Full PDB file with SEQRES, HELIX, SHEET, SSBOND, CRYST1, ORIGX, SCALE, CONECT and MASTER records, all heavy atoms in Angstrom:
SEQRES   1 A   43  TYR TYR SER THR GLN PHE HIS LEU PHE VAL ALA LEU ALA          
SEQRES   2 A   43  VAL LEU GLU SER HIS ARG ASP VAL ILE LEU ARG TYR LEU          
SEQRES   3 A   43  VAL GLU PHE ASP GLU VAL LEU LYS TYR CYS ASN ASP LEU          
SEQRES   4 A   43  SER MET THR ILE                                              
HELIX    1 AA1 PHE A    6  SER A   17  1                                  12    
HELIX    2 AA2 ARG A   19  TYR A   25  1                                   7    
HELIX    3 AA3 PHE A   29  ASN A   37  1                                   9    
CRYST1    1.000    1.000    1.000  90.00  90.00  90.00 P 1           1          
ORIGX1      1.000000  0.000000  0.000000        0.00000                         
ORIGX2      0.000000  1.000000  0.000000        0.00000                         
ORIGX3      0.000000  0.000000  1.000000        0.00000                         
SCALE1      1.000000  0.000000  0.000000        0.00000                         
SCALE2      0.000000  1.000000  0.000000        0.00000                         
SCALE3      0.000000  0.000000  1.000000        0.00000                         
ATOM      1  N   TYR A   1      94.538  47.140  98.594  1.00  0.00           N  
ATOM      2  CA  TYR A   1      94.535  47.849  99.876  1.00  0.00           C  
ATOM      3  C   TYR A   1      94.066  49.297  99.721  1.00  0.00           C  
ATOM      4  O   TYR A   1      93.203  49.765 100.473  1.00  0.00           O  
ATOM      5  CB  TYR A   1      95.943  47.809 100.483  1.00  0.00           C  
ATOM      6  CG  TYR A   1      96.040  48.488 101.826  1.00  0.00           C  
ATOM      7  CD1 TYR A   1      95.533  47.879 102.973  1.00  0.00           C  
ATOM      8  CD2 TYR A   1      96.640  49.737 101.954  1.00  0.00           C  
ATOM      9  CE1 TYR A   1      95.624  48.497 104.211  1.00  0.00           C  
ATOM     10  CE2 TYR A   1      96.734  50.363 103.176  1.00  0.00           C  
ATOM     11  CZ  TYR A   1      96.227  49.747 104.309  1.00  0.00           C  
ATOM     12  OH  TYR A   1      96.320  50.369 105.523  1.00  0.00           O  
ATOM     13  N   TYR A   2      94.634  49.994  98.764  1.00  0.00           N  
ATOM     14  CA  TYR A   2      94.226  51.382  98.519  1.00  0.00           C  
ATOM     15  C   TYR A   2      93.142  51.467  97.443  1.00  0.00           C  
ATOM     16  O   TYR A   2      92.202  52.242  97.554  1.00  0.00           O  
ATOM     17  CB  TYR A   2      95.421  52.224  98.067  1.00  0.00           C  
ATOM     18  CG  TYR A   2      96.380  52.594  99.170  1.00  0.00           C  
ATOM     19  CD1 TYR A   2      97.718  52.221  99.098  1.00  0.00           C  
ATOM     20  CD2 TYR A   2      95.961  53.333 100.276  1.00  0.00           C  
ATOM     21  CE1 TYR A   2      98.615  52.570 100.097  1.00  0.00           C  
ATOM     22  CE2 TYR A   2      96.840  53.677 101.283  1.00  0.00           C  
ATOM     23  CZ  TYR A   2      98.168  53.297 101.191  1.00  0.00           C  
ATOM     24  OH  TYR A   2      99.051  53.637 102.194  1.00  0.00           O  
ATOM     25  N   SER A   3      93.328  50.709  96.392  1.00  0.00           N  
ATOM     26  CA  SER A   3      92.464  50.833  95.226  1.00  0.00           C  
ATOM     27  C   SER A   3      92.505  49.546  94.412  1.00  0.00           C  
ATOM     28  O   SER A   3      93.527  48.866  94.360  1.00  0.00           O  
ATOM     29  CB  SER A   3      92.950  52.004  94.354  1.00  0.00           C  
ATOM     30  OG  SER A   3      92.326  52.011  93.090  1.00  0.00           O  
ATOM     31  N   THR A   4      91.381  49.256  93.766  1.00  0.00           N  
ATOM     32  CA  THR A   4      91.350  48.115  92.847  1.00  0.00           C  
ATOM     33  C   THR A   4      92.077  48.439  91.544  1.00  0.00           C  
ATOM     34  O   THR A   4      92.276  47.564  90.706  1.00  0.00           O  
ATOM     35  CB  THR A   4      89.893  47.724  92.526  1.00  0.00           C  
ATOM     36  OG1 THR A   4      89.208  48.865  91.976  1.00  0.00           O  
ATOM     37  CG2 THR A   4      89.180  47.242  93.783  1.00  0.00           C  
ATOM     38  N   GLN A   5      92.467  49.707  91.391  1.00  0.00           N  
ATOM     39  CA  GLN A   5      93.190  50.137  90.187  1.00  0.00           C  
ATOM     40  C   GLN A   5      94.529  50.783  90.562  1.00  0.00           C  
ATOM     41  O   GLN A   5      94.978  51.728  89.917  1.00  0.00           O  
ATOM     42  CB  GLN A   5      92.346  51.120  89.372  1.00  0.00           C  
ATOM     43  CG  GLN A   5      91.007  50.563  88.923  1.00  0.00           C  
ATOM     44  CD  GLN A   5      90.232  51.538  88.082  1.00  0.00           C  
ATOM     45  OE1 GLN A   5      90.604  51.861  86.961  1.00  0.00           O  
ATOM     46  NE2 GLN A   5      89.128  52.029  88.625  1.00  0.00           N  
ATOM     47  N   PHE A   6      95.153  50.247  91.573  1.00  0.00           N  
ATOM     48  CA  PHE A   6      96.405  50.830  92.052  1.00  0.00           C  
ATOM     49  C   PHE A   6      97.497  50.790  90.977  1.00  0.00           C  
ATOM     50  O   PHE A   6      98.419  51.613  90.990  1.00  0.00           O  
ATOM     51  CB  PHE A   6      96.877  50.087  93.305  1.00  0.00           C  
ATOM     52  CG  PHE A   6      98.051  50.736  93.986  1.00  0.00           C  
ATOM     53  CD1 PHE A   6      97.914  51.936  94.663  1.00  0.00           C  
ATOM     54  CD2 PHE A   6      99.309  50.145  93.946  1.00  0.00           C  
ATOM     55  CE1 PHE A   6      98.995  52.534  95.286  1.00  0.00           C  
ATOM     56  CE2 PHE A   6     100.397  50.739  94.560  1.00  0.00           C  
ATOM     57  CZ  PHE A   6     100.241  51.935  95.237  1.00  0.00           C  
ATOM     58  N   HIS A   7      97.391  49.852  90.041  1.00  0.00           N  
ATOM     59  CA  HIS A   7      98.402  49.750  88.990  1.00  0.00           C  
ATOM     60  C   HIS A   7      98.480  51.023  88.150  1.00  0.00           C  
ATOM     61  O   HIS A   7      99.527  51.321  87.570  1.00  0.00           O  
ATOM     62  CB  HIS A   7      98.126  48.542  88.100  1.00  0.00           C  
ATOM     63  CG  HIS A   7      96.798  48.590  87.398  1.00  0.00           C  
ATOM     64  ND1 HIS A   7      95.608  48.338  88.032  1.00  0.00           N  
ATOM     65  CD2 HIS A   7      96.480  48.860  86.106  1.00  0.00           C  
ATOM     66  CE1 HIS A   7      94.608  48.463  87.170  1.00  0.00           C  
ATOM     67  NE2 HIS A   7      95.119  48.778  85.981  1.00  0.00           N  
ATOM     68  N   LEU A   8      97.378  51.799  88.102  1.00  0.00           N  
ATOM     69  CA  LEU A   8      97.415  53.057  87.353  1.00  0.00           C  
ATOM     70  C   LEU A   8      98.271  54.093  88.072  1.00  0.00           C  
ATOM     71  O   LEU A   8      98.926  54.925  87.428  1.00  0.00           O  
ATOM     72  CB  LEU A   8      96.002  53.588  87.134  1.00  0.00           C  
ATOM     73  CG  LEU A   8      95.085  52.718  86.264  1.00  0.00           C  
ATOM     74  CD1 LEU A   8      93.740  53.384  86.044  1.00  0.00           C  
ATOM     75  CD2 LEU A   8      95.745  52.405  84.926  1.00  0.00           C  
ATOM     76  N   PHE A   9      98.301  54.037  89.383  1.00  0.00           N  
ATOM     77  CA  PHE A   9      99.194  54.928  90.140  1.00  0.00           C  
ATOM     78  C   PHE A   9     100.642  54.485  89.972  1.00  0.00           C  
ATOM     79  O   PHE A   9     101.555  55.324  89.997  1.00  0.00           O  
ATOM     80  CB  PHE A   9      98.796  54.952  91.614  1.00  0.00           C  
ATOM     81  CG  PHE A   9      97.519  55.680  91.885  1.00  0.00           C  
ATOM     82  CD1 PHE A   9      96.318  54.998  91.926  1.00  0.00           C  
ATOM     83  CD2 PHE A   9      97.510  57.056  92.065  1.00  0.00           C  
ATOM     84  CE1 PHE A   9      95.119  55.668  92.147  1.00  0.00           C  
ATOM     85  CE2 PHE A   9      96.329  57.740  92.298  1.00  0.00           C  
ATOM     86  CZ  PHE A   9      95.116  57.046  92.334  1.00  0.00           C  
ATOM     87  N   VAL A  10     100.846  53.189  89.793  1.00  0.00           N  
ATOM     88  CA  VAL A  10     102.196  52.692  89.507  1.00  0.00           C  
ATOM     89  C   VAL A  10     102.658  53.208  88.146  1.00  0.00           C  
ATOM     90  O   VAL A  10     103.798  53.646  87.988  1.00  0.00           O  
ATOM     91  CB  VAL A  10     102.233  51.156  89.558  1.00  0.00           C  
ATOM     92  CG1 VAL A  10     103.600  50.635  89.128  1.00  0.00           C  
ATOM     93  CG2 VAL A  10     101.896  50.657  90.964  1.00  0.00           C  
ATOM     94  N   ALA A  11     101.765  53.163  87.159  1.00  0.00           N  
ATOM     95  CA  ALA A  11     102.098  53.699  85.835  1.00  0.00           C  
ATOM     96  C   ALA A  11     102.429  55.180  85.926  1.00  0.00           C  
ATOM     97  O   ALA A  11     103.405  55.658  85.320  1.00  0.00           O  
ATOM     98  CB  ALA A  11     100.936  53.463  84.873  1.00  0.00           C  
ATOM     99  N   LEU A  12     101.634  55.906  86.695  1.00  0.00           N  
ATOM    100  CA  LEU A  12     101.898  57.337  86.877  1.00  0.00           C  
ATOM    101  C   LEU A  12     103.228  57.554  87.579  1.00  0.00           C  
ATOM    102  O   LEU A  12     103.985  58.477  87.234  1.00  0.00           O  
ATOM    103  CB  LEU A  12     100.763  57.979  87.685  1.00  0.00           C  
ATOM    104  CG  LEU A  12     100.894  59.480  87.961  1.00  0.00           C  
ATOM    105  CD1 LEU A  12     100.945  60.276  86.655  1.00  0.00           C  
ATOM    106  CD2 LEU A  12      99.731  59.962  88.829  1.00  0.00           C  
ATOM    107  N   ALA A  13     103.546  56.709  88.550  1.00  0.00           N  
ATOM    108  CA  ALA A  13     104.814  56.824  89.273  1.00  0.00           C  
ATOM    109  C   ALA A  13     106.003  56.632  88.343  1.00  0.00           C  
ATOM    110  O   ALA A  13     107.019  57.335  88.457  1.00  0.00           O  
ATOM    111  CB  ALA A  13     104.864  55.810  90.414  1.00  0.00           C  
ATOM    112  N   VAL A  14     105.897  55.695  87.416  1.00  0.00           N  
ATOM    113  CA  VAL A  14     106.982  55.472  86.455  1.00  0.00           C  
ATOM    114  C   VAL A  14     107.166  56.719  85.588  1.00  0.00           C  
ATOM    115  O   VAL A  14     108.293  57.180  85.360  1.00  0.00           O  
ATOM    116  CB  VAL A  14     106.693  54.245  85.576  1.00  0.00           C  
ATOM    117  CG1 VAL A  14     107.758  54.116  84.492  1.00  0.00           C  
ATOM    118  CG2 VAL A  14     106.653  52.969  86.424  1.00  0.00           C  
ATOM    119  N   LEU A  15     106.064  57.282  85.116  1.00  0.00           N  
ATOM    120  CA  LEU A  15     106.153  58.494  84.296  1.00  0.00           C  
ATOM    121  C   LEU A  15     106.742  59.649  85.089  1.00  0.00           C  
ATOM    122  O   LEU A  15     107.575  60.414  84.573  1.00  0.00           O  
ATOM    123  CB  LEU A  15     104.763  58.874  83.771  1.00  0.00           C  
ATOM    124  CG  LEU A  15     104.118  57.905  82.783  1.00  0.00           C  
ATOM    125  CD1 LEU A  15     102.716  58.369  82.412  1.00  0.00           C  
ATOM    126  CD2 LEU A  15     104.981  57.751  81.535  1.00  0.00           C  
ATOM    127  N   GLU A  16     106.331  59.786  86.340  1.00  0.00           N  
ATOM    128  CA  GLU A  16     106.845  60.873  87.171  1.00  0.00           C  
ATOM    129  C   GLU A  16     108.342  60.713  87.436  1.00  0.00           C  
ATOM    130  O   GLU A  16     109.078  61.703  87.527  1.00  0.00           O  
ATOM    131  CB  GLU A  16     106.083  60.925  88.496  1.00  0.00           C  
ATOM    132  CG  GLU A  16     104.654  61.425  88.373  1.00  0.00           C  
ATOM    133  CD  GLU A  16     104.591  62.861  87.879  1.00  0.00           C  
ATOM    134  OE1 GLU A  16     105.204  63.741  88.508  1.00  0.00           O  
ATOM    135  OE2 GLU A  16     103.942  63.084  86.842  1.00  0.00           O  
ATOM    136  N   SER A  17     108.786  59.474  87.536  1.00  0.00           N  
ATOM    137  CA  SER A  17     110.213  59.225  87.784  1.00  0.00           C  
ATOM    138  C   SER A  17     111.074  59.669  86.608  1.00  0.00           C  
ATOM    139  O   SER A  17     112.262  59.944  86.774  1.00  0.00           O  
ATOM    140  CB  SER A  17     110.453  57.736  88.056  1.00  0.00           C  
ATOM    141  OG  SER A  17     109.790  57.308  89.228  1.00  0.00           O  
ATOM    142  N   HIS A  18     110.467  59.738  85.436  1.00  0.00           N  
ATOM    143  CA  HIS A  18     111.224  60.070  84.223  1.00  0.00           C  
ATOM    144  C   HIS A  18     110.724  61.369  83.580  1.00  0.00           C  
ATOM    145  O   HIS A  18     111.054  61.637  82.431  1.00  0.00           O  
ATOM    146  CB  HIS A  18     111.126  58.915  83.233  1.00  0.00           C  
ATOM    147  CG  HIS A  18     111.749  57.642  83.735  1.00  0.00           C  
ATOM    148  ND1 HIS A  18     113.072  57.314  83.509  1.00  0.00           N  
ATOM    149  CD2 HIS A  18     111.237  56.623  84.472  1.00  0.00           C  
ATOM    150  CE1 HIS A  18     113.339  56.156  84.076  1.00  0.00           C  
ATOM    151  NE2 HIS A  18     112.245  55.712  84.659  1.00  0.00           N  
ATOM    152  N   ARG A  19     109.972  62.149  84.326  1.00  0.00           N  
ATOM    153  CA  ARG A  19     109.347  63.345  83.740  1.00  0.00           C  
ATOM    154  C   ARG A  19     110.377  64.356  83.252  1.00  0.00           C  
ATOM    155  O   ARG A  19     110.170  65.004  82.219  1.00  0.00           O  
ATOM    156  CB  ARG A  19     108.374  63.994  84.729  1.00  0.00           C  
ATOM    157  CG  ARG A  19     109.009  64.759  85.863  1.00  0.00           C  
ATOM    158  CD  ARG A  19     107.976  65.297  86.847  1.00  0.00           C  
ATOM    159  NE  ARG A  19     106.990  66.159  86.244  1.00  0.00           N  
ATOM    160  CZ  ARG A  19     107.158  67.459  86.039  1.00  0.00           C  
ATOM    161  NH1 ARG A  19     108.310  68.053  86.356  1.00  0.00           N  
ATOM    162  NH2 ARG A  19     106.195  68.198  85.503  1.00  0.00           N  
ATOM    163  N   ASP A  20     111.492  64.507  83.958  1.00  0.00           N  
ATOM    164  CA  ASP A  20     112.488  65.495  83.552  1.00  0.00           C  
ATOM    165  C   ASP A  20     113.069  65.166  82.177  1.00  0.00           C  
ATOM    166  O   ASP A  20     113.228  66.044  81.330  1.00  0.00           O  
ATOM    167  CB  ASP A  20     113.607  65.597  84.589  1.00  0.00           C  
ATOM    168  CG  ASP A  20     113.136  66.216  85.895  1.00  0.00           C  
ATOM    169  OD1 ASP A  20     112.066  66.861  85.877  1.00  0.00           O  
ATOM    170  OD2 ASP A  20     113.815  66.050  86.920  1.00  0.00           O  
ATOM    171  N   VAL A  21     113.380  63.887  81.972  1.00  0.00           N  
ATOM    172  CA  VAL A  21     113.903  63.461  80.671  1.00  0.00           C  
ATOM    173  C   VAL A  21     112.837  63.651  79.596  1.00  0.00           C  
ATOM    174  O   VAL A  21     113.114  64.145  78.493  1.00  0.00           O  
ATOM    175  CB  VAL A  21     114.352  61.988  80.714  1.00  0.00           C  
ATOM    176  CG1 VAL A  21     114.716  61.489  79.317  1.00  0.00           C  
ATOM    177  CG2 VAL A  21     115.534  61.827  81.655  1.00  0.00           C  
ATOM    178  N   ILE A  22     111.612  63.261  79.911  1.00  0.00           N  
ATOM    179  CA  ILE A  22     110.516  63.368  78.939  1.00  0.00           C  
ATOM    180  C   ILE A  22     110.282  64.817  78.553  1.00  0.00           C  
ATOM    181  O   ILE A  22     110.167  65.157  77.363  1.00  0.00           O  
ATOM    182  CB  ILE A  22     109.232  62.740  79.511  1.00  0.00           C  
ATOM    183  CG1 ILE A  22     109.412  61.229  79.695  1.00  0.00           C  
ATOM    184  CG2 ILE A  22     108.044  63.016  78.592  1.00  0.00           C  
ATOM    185  CD1 ILE A  22     108.265  60.549  80.431  1.00  0.00           C  
ATOM    186  N   LEU A  23     110.223  65.689  79.539  1.00  0.00           N  
ATOM    187  CA  LEU A  23     109.946  67.105  79.265  1.00  0.00           C  
ATOM    188  C   LEU A  23     111.083  67.770  78.496  1.00  0.00           C  
ATOM    189  O   LEU A  23     110.849  68.624  77.634  1.00  0.00           O  
ATOM    190  CB  LEU A  23     109.709  67.850  80.580  1.00  0.00           C  
ATOM    191  CG  LEU A  23     108.407  67.539  81.318  1.00  0.00           C  
ATOM    192  CD1 LEU A  23     108.378  68.211  82.675  1.00  0.00           C  
ATOM    193  CD2 LEU A  23     107.189  67.963  80.488  1.00  0.00           C  
ATOM    194  N   ARG A  24     112.291  67.374  78.781  1.00  0.00           N  
ATOM    195  CA  ARG A  24     113.444  68.063  78.188  1.00  0.00           C  
ATOM    196  C   ARG A  24     113.817  67.535  76.809  1.00  0.00           C  
ATOM    197  O   ARG A  24     114.199  68.314  75.928  1.00  0.00           O  
ATOM    198  CB  ARG A  24     114.649  67.941  79.126  1.00  0.00           C  
ATOM    199  CG  ARG A  24     115.907  68.645  78.612  1.00  0.00           C  
ATOM    200  CD  ARG A  24     117.001  68.641  79.647  1.00  0.00           C  
ATOM    201  NE  ARG A  24     116.613  69.379  80.851  1.00  0.00           N  
ATOM    202  CZ  ARG A  24     117.444  69.611  81.873  1.00  0.00           C  
ATOM    203  NH1 ARG A  24     118.684  69.159  81.839  1.00  0.00           N  
ATOM    204  NH2 ARG A  24     117.023  70.273  82.928  1.00  0.00           N  
ATOM    205  N   TYR A  25     113.711  66.218  76.619  1.00  0.00           N  
ATOM    206  CA  TYR A  25     114.294  65.631  75.413  1.00  0.00           C  
ATOM    207  C   TYR A  25     113.306  64.949  74.468  1.00  0.00           C  
ATOM    208  O   TYR A  25     113.647  64.758  73.288  1.00  0.00           O  
ATOM    209  CB  TYR A  25     115.367  64.609  75.806  1.00  0.00           C  
ATOM    210  CG  TYR A  25     116.491  65.188  76.612  1.00  0.00           C  
ATOM    211  CD1 TYR A  25     116.652  64.851  77.956  1.00  0.00           C  
ATOM    212  CD2 TYR A  25     117.397  66.087  76.052  1.00  0.00           C  
ATOM    213  CE1 TYR A  25     117.689  65.384  78.716  1.00  0.00           C  
ATOM    214  CE2 TYR A  25     118.430  66.628  76.799  1.00  0.00           C  
ATOM    215  CZ  TYR A  25     118.573  66.266  78.129  1.00  0.00           C  
ATOM    216  OH  TYR A  25     119.594  66.800  78.882  1.00  0.00           O  
ATOM    217  N   LEU A  26     112.138  64.547  74.946  1.00  0.00           N  
ATOM    218  CA  LEU A  26     111.241  63.740  74.117  1.00  0.00           C  
ATOM    219  C   LEU A  26     110.072  64.603  73.636  1.00  0.00           C  
ATOM    220  O   LEU A  26     109.166  64.923  74.405  1.00  0.00           O  
ATOM    221  CB  LEU A  26     110.722  62.542  74.916  1.00  0.00           C  
ATOM    222  CG  LEU A  26     111.814  61.704  75.614  1.00  0.00           C  
ATOM    223  CD1 LEU A  26     111.191  60.536  76.361  1.00  0.00           C  
ATOM    224  CD2 LEU A  26     112.852  61.219  74.603  1.00  0.00           C  
ATOM    225  N   VAL A  27     110.095  64.951  72.372  1.00  0.00           N  
ATOM    226  CA  VAL A  27     109.105  65.888  71.843  1.00  0.00           C  
ATOM    227  C   VAL A  27     108.175  65.250  70.813  1.00  0.00           C  
ATOM    228  O   VAL A  27     107.252  65.905  70.338  1.00  0.00           O  
ATOM    229  CB  VAL A  27     109.804  67.110  71.205  1.00  0.00           C  
ATOM    230  CG1 VAL A  27     110.594  67.879  72.260  1.00  0.00           C  
ATOM    231  CG2 VAL A  27     110.716  66.686  70.058  1.00  0.00           C  
ATOM    232  N   GLU A  28     108.411  63.988  70.465  1.00  0.00           N  
ATOM    233  CA  GLU A  28     107.566  63.288  69.513  1.00  0.00           C  
ATOM    234  C   GLU A  28     107.045  61.993  70.144  1.00  0.00           C  
ATOM    235  O   GLU A  28     107.697  61.407  71.008  1.00  0.00           O  
ATOM    236  CB  GLU A  28     108.335  62.941  68.225  1.00  0.00           C  
ATOM    237  CG  GLU A  28     108.878  64.145  67.472  1.00  0.00           C  
ATOM    238  CD  GLU A  28     107.792  64.955  66.800  1.00  0.00           C  
ATOM    239  OE1 GLU A  28     106.670  64.407  66.650  1.00  0.00           O  
ATOM    240  OE2 GLU A  28     108.054  66.117  66.413  1.00  0.00           O  
ATOM    241  N   PHE A  29     105.880  61.542  69.670  1.00  0.00           N  
ATOM    242  CA  PHE A  29     105.287  60.322  70.222  1.00  0.00           C  
ATOM    243  C   PHE A  29     106.231  59.132  70.103  1.00  0.00           C  
ATOM    244  O   PHE A  29     106.395  58.361  71.047  1.00  0.00           O  
ATOM    245  CB  PHE A  29     103.972  60.001  69.508  1.00  0.00           C  
ATOM    246  CG  PHE A  29     103.431  58.643  69.831  1.00  0.00           C  
ATOM    247  CD1 PHE A  29     102.806  58.405  71.043  1.00  0.00           C  
ATOM    248  CD2 PHE A  29     103.565  57.579  68.934  1.00  0.00           C  
ATOM    249  CE1 PHE A  29     102.316  57.139  71.366  1.00  0.00           C  
ATOM    250  CE2 PHE A  29     103.080  56.322  69.241  1.00  0.00           C  
ATOM    251  CZ  PHE A  29     102.449  56.101  70.458  1.00  0.00           C  
ATOM    252  N   ASP A  30     106.858  58.972  68.928  1.00  0.00           N  
ATOM    253  CA  ASP A  30     107.750  57.831  68.714  1.00  0.00           C  
ATOM    254  C   ASP A  30     108.911  57.836  69.702  1.00  0.00           C  
ATOM    255  O   ASP A  30     109.369  56.770  70.150  1.00  0.00           O  
ATOM    256  CB  ASP A  30     108.297  57.829  67.289  1.00  0.00           C  
ATOM    257  CG  ASP A  30     107.226  57.482  66.263  1.00  0.00           C  
ATOM    258  OD1 ASP A  30     106.164  56.977  66.680  1.00  0.00           O  
ATOM    259  OD2 ASP A  30     107.449  57.720  65.063  1.00  0.00           O  
ATOM    260  N   GLU A  31     109.375  59.008  70.070  1.00  0.00           N  
ATOM    261  CA  GLU A  31     110.476  59.112  71.031  1.00  0.00           C  
ATOM    262  C   GLU A  31     110.018  58.679  72.417  1.00  0.00           C  
ATOM    263  O   GLU A  31     110.742  57.963  73.127  1.00  0.00           O  
ATOM    264  CB  GLU A  31     110.998  60.549  71.070  1.00  0.00           C  
ATOM    265  CG  GLU A  31     111.634  61.010  69.762  1.00  0.00           C  
ATOM    266  CD  GLU A  31     111.990  62.488  69.766  1.00  0.00           C  
ATOM    267  OE1 GLU A  31     111.482  63.227  70.643  1.00  0.00           O  
ATOM    268  OE2 GLU A  31     112.773  62.910  68.903  1.00  0.00           O  
ATOM    269  N   VAL A  32     108.842  59.104  72.792  1.00  0.00           N  
ATOM    270  CA  VAL A  32     108.294  58.710  74.102  1.00  0.00           C  
ATOM    271  C   VAL A  32     108.052  57.203  74.137  1.00  0.00           C  
ATOM    272  O   VAL A  32     108.371  56.531  75.128  1.00  0.00           O  
ATOM    273  CB  VAL A  32     106.982  59.462  74.399  1.00  0.00           C  
ATOM    274  CG1 VAL A  32     106.421  59.034  75.761  1.00  0.00           C  
ATOM    275  CG2 VAL A  32     107.200  60.968  74.378  1.00  0.00           C  
ATOM    276  N   LEU A  33     107.503  56.659  73.050  1.00  0.00           N  
ATOM    277  CA  LEU A  33     107.219  55.232  72.978  1.00  0.00           C  
ATOM    278  C   LEU A  33     108.489  54.405  73.126  1.00  0.00           C  
ATOM    279  O   LEU A  33     108.534  53.444  73.909  1.00  0.00           O  
ATOM    280  CB  LEU A  33     106.535  54.909  71.646  1.00  0.00           C  
ATOM    281  CG  LEU A  33     106.227  53.433  71.377  1.00  0.00           C  
ATOM    282  CD1 LEU A  33     105.226  52.898  72.391  1.00  0.00           C  
ATOM    283  CD2 LEU A  33     105.687  53.254  69.959  1.00  0.00           C  
ATOM    284  N   LYS A  34     109.520  54.759  72.384  1.00  0.00           N  
ATOM    285  CA  LYS A  34     110.782  54.020  72.458  1.00  0.00           C  
ATOM    286  C   LYS A  34     111.398  54.127  73.852  1.00  0.00           C  
ATOM    287  O   LYS A  34     111.881  53.136  74.408  1.00  0.00           O  
ATOM    288  CB  LYS A  34     111.769  54.535  71.413  1.00  0.00           C  
ATOM    289  CG  LYS A  34     113.090  53.755  71.387  1.00  0.00           C  
ATOM    290  CD  LYS A  34     114.043  54.286  70.347  1.00  0.00           C  
ATOM    291  CE  LYS A  34     115.298  53.412  70.254  1.00  0.00           C  
ATOM    292  NZ  LYS A  34     115.973  53.231  71.560  1.00  0.00           N  
ATOM    293  N   TYR A  35     111.365  55.318  74.408  1.00  0.00           N  
ATOM    294  CA  TYR A  35     111.960  55.517  75.731  1.00  0.00           C  
ATOM    295  C   TYR A  35     111.250  54.655  76.782  1.00  0.00           C  
ATOM    296  O   TYR A  35     111.905  53.983  77.601  1.00  0.00           O  
ATOM    297  CB  TYR A  35     111.870  56.992  76.114  1.00  0.00           C  
ATOM    298  CG  TYR A  35     112.517  57.310  77.434  1.00  0.00           C  
ATOM    299  CD1 TYR A  35     113.892  57.534  77.520  1.00  0.00           C  
ATOM    300  CD2 TYR A  35     111.764  57.393  78.610  1.00  0.00           C  
ATOM    301  CE1 TYR A  35     114.491  57.827  78.735  1.00  0.00           C  
ATOM    302  CE2 TYR A  35     112.357  57.684  79.818  1.00  0.00           C  
ATOM    303  CZ  TYR A  35     113.724  57.904  79.881  1.00  0.00           C  
ATOM    304  OH  TYR A  35     114.315  58.187  81.093  1.00  0.00           O  
ATOM    305  N   CYS A  36     109.920  54.650  76.760  1.00  0.00           N  
ATOM    306  CA  CYS A  36     109.164  53.881  77.755  1.00  0.00           C  
ATOM    307  C   CYS A  36     109.336  52.378  77.548  1.00  0.00           C  
ATOM    308  O   CYS A  36     109.428  51.622  78.519  1.00  0.00           O  
ATOM    309  CB  CYS A  36     107.686  54.269  77.704  1.00  0.00           C  
ATOM    310  SG  CYS A  36     107.347  55.920  78.353  1.00  0.00           S  
ATOM    311  N   ASN A  37     109.402  51.947  76.299  1.00  0.00           N  
ATOM    312  CA  ASN A  37     109.649  50.525  76.038  1.00  0.00           C  
ATOM    313  C   ASN A  37     111.024  50.101  76.546  1.00  0.00           C  
ATOM    314  O   ASN A  37     111.199  48.983  77.049  1.00  0.00           O  
ATOM    315  CB  ASN A  37     109.534  50.229  74.543  1.00  0.00           C  
ATOM    316  CG  ASN A  37     108.101  50.155  74.063  1.00  0.00           C  
ATOM    317  OD1 ASN A  37     107.173  49.994  74.861  1.00  0.00           O  
ATOM    318  ND2 ASN A  37     107.899  50.291  72.767  1.00  0.00           N  
ATOM    319  N   ASP A  38     111.991  50.982  76.414  1.00  0.00           N  
ATOM    320  CA  ASP A  38     113.359  50.672  76.837  1.00  0.00           C  
ATOM    321  C   ASP A  38     113.531  50.672  78.362  1.00  0.00           C  
ATOM    322  O   ASP A  38     114.591  50.288  78.866  1.00  0.00           O  
ATOM    323  CB  ASP A  38     114.347  51.670  76.217  1.00  0.00           C  
ATOM    324  CG  ASP A  38     114.519  51.464  74.720  1.00  0.00           C  
ATOM    325  OD1 ASP A  38     114.100  50.402  74.221  1.00  0.00           O  
ATOM    326  OD2 ASP A  38     115.050  52.364  74.046  1.00  0.00           O  
ATOM    327  N   LEU A  39     112.496  51.097  79.084  1.00  0.00           N  
ATOM    328  CA  LEU A  39     112.567  51.069  80.546  1.00  0.00           C  
ATOM    329  C   LEU A  39     112.443  49.647  81.093  1.00  0.00           C  
ATOM    330  O   LEU A  39     112.713  49.410  82.277  1.00  0.00           O  
ATOM    331  CB  LEU A  39     111.456  51.939  81.154  1.00  0.00           C  
ATOM    332  CG  LEU A  39     111.561  53.446  80.936  1.00  0.00           C  
ATOM    333  CD1 LEU A  39     110.342  54.140  81.544  1.00  0.00           C  
ATOM    334  CD2 LEU A  39     112.841  53.997  81.554  1.00  0.00           C  
ATOM    335  N   SER A  40     112.030  48.715  80.245  1.00  0.00           N  
ATOM    336  CA  SER A  40     111.849  47.327  80.670  1.00  0.00           C  
ATOM    337  C   SER A  40     113.085  46.801  81.382  1.00  0.00           C  
ATOM    338  O   SER A  40     114.212  46.942  80.910  1.00  0.00           O  
ATOM    339  CB  SER A  40     111.543  46.455  79.446  1.00  0.00           C  
ATOM    340  OG  SER A  40     111.437  45.099  79.805  1.00  0.00           O  
ATOM    341  N   MET A  41     112.884  46.210  82.551  1.00  0.00           N  
ATOM    342  CA  MET A  41     113.924  45.615  83.394  1.00  0.00           C  
ATOM    343  C   MET A  41     114.866  46.650  84.024  1.00  0.00           C  
ATOM    344  O   MET A  41     115.904  46.273  84.572  1.00  0.00           O  
ATOM    345  CB  MET A  41     114.747  44.582  82.606  1.00  0.00           C  
ATOM    346  CG  MET A  41     113.911  43.443  82.050  1.00  0.00           C  
ATOM    347  SD  MET A  41     113.072  42.525  83.372  1.00  0.00           S  
ATOM    348  CE  MET A  41     111.791  41.656  82.434  1.00  0.00           C  
ATOM    349  N   THR A  42     114.490  47.916  83.973  1.00  0.00           N  
ATOM    350  CA  THR A  42     115.309  48.949  84.623  1.00  0.00           C  
ATOM    351  C   THR A  42     114.553  49.639  85.754  1.00  0.00           C  
ATOM    352  O   THR A  42     115.137  50.434  86.483  1.00  0.00           O  
ATOM    353  CB  THR A  42     115.752  50.021  83.613  1.00  0.00           C  
ATOM    354  OG1 THR A  42     114.620  50.803  83.193  1.00  0.00           O  
ATOM    355  CG2 THR A  42     116.416  49.391  82.398  1.00  0.00           C  
ATOM    356  N   ILE A  43     113.266  49.339  85.915  1.00  0.00           N  
ATOM    357  CA  ILE A  43     112.436  50.011  86.910  1.00  0.00           C  
ATOM    358  C   ILE A  43     112.650  49.372  88.277  1.00  0.00           C  
ATOM    359  O   ILE A  43     112.543  48.146  88.415  1.00  0.00           O  
ATOM    360  CB  ILE A  43     110.950  49.948  86.520  1.00  0.00           C  
ATOM    361  CG1 ILE A  43     110.737  50.530  85.123  1.00  0.00           C  
ATOM    362  CG2 ILE A  43     110.088  50.689  87.534  1.00  0.00           C  
ATOM    363  CD1 ILE A  43     109.336  50.299  84.572  1.00  0.00           C  
TER     364      ILE A  43                                                      
MASTER        0    0    0    3    0    0    0    6  363    1    0    4          
END                                                                             
């Protein structure tokens, strides 16, 4: 309806929903990776 790539805005929305935690506590790639993987079934 809006875009053939709307799923990328969904990905951005997930990141924006957790930006405060990411900015405050996650300072290494491995930390960000684990945190995002652990979001499974919680979104």
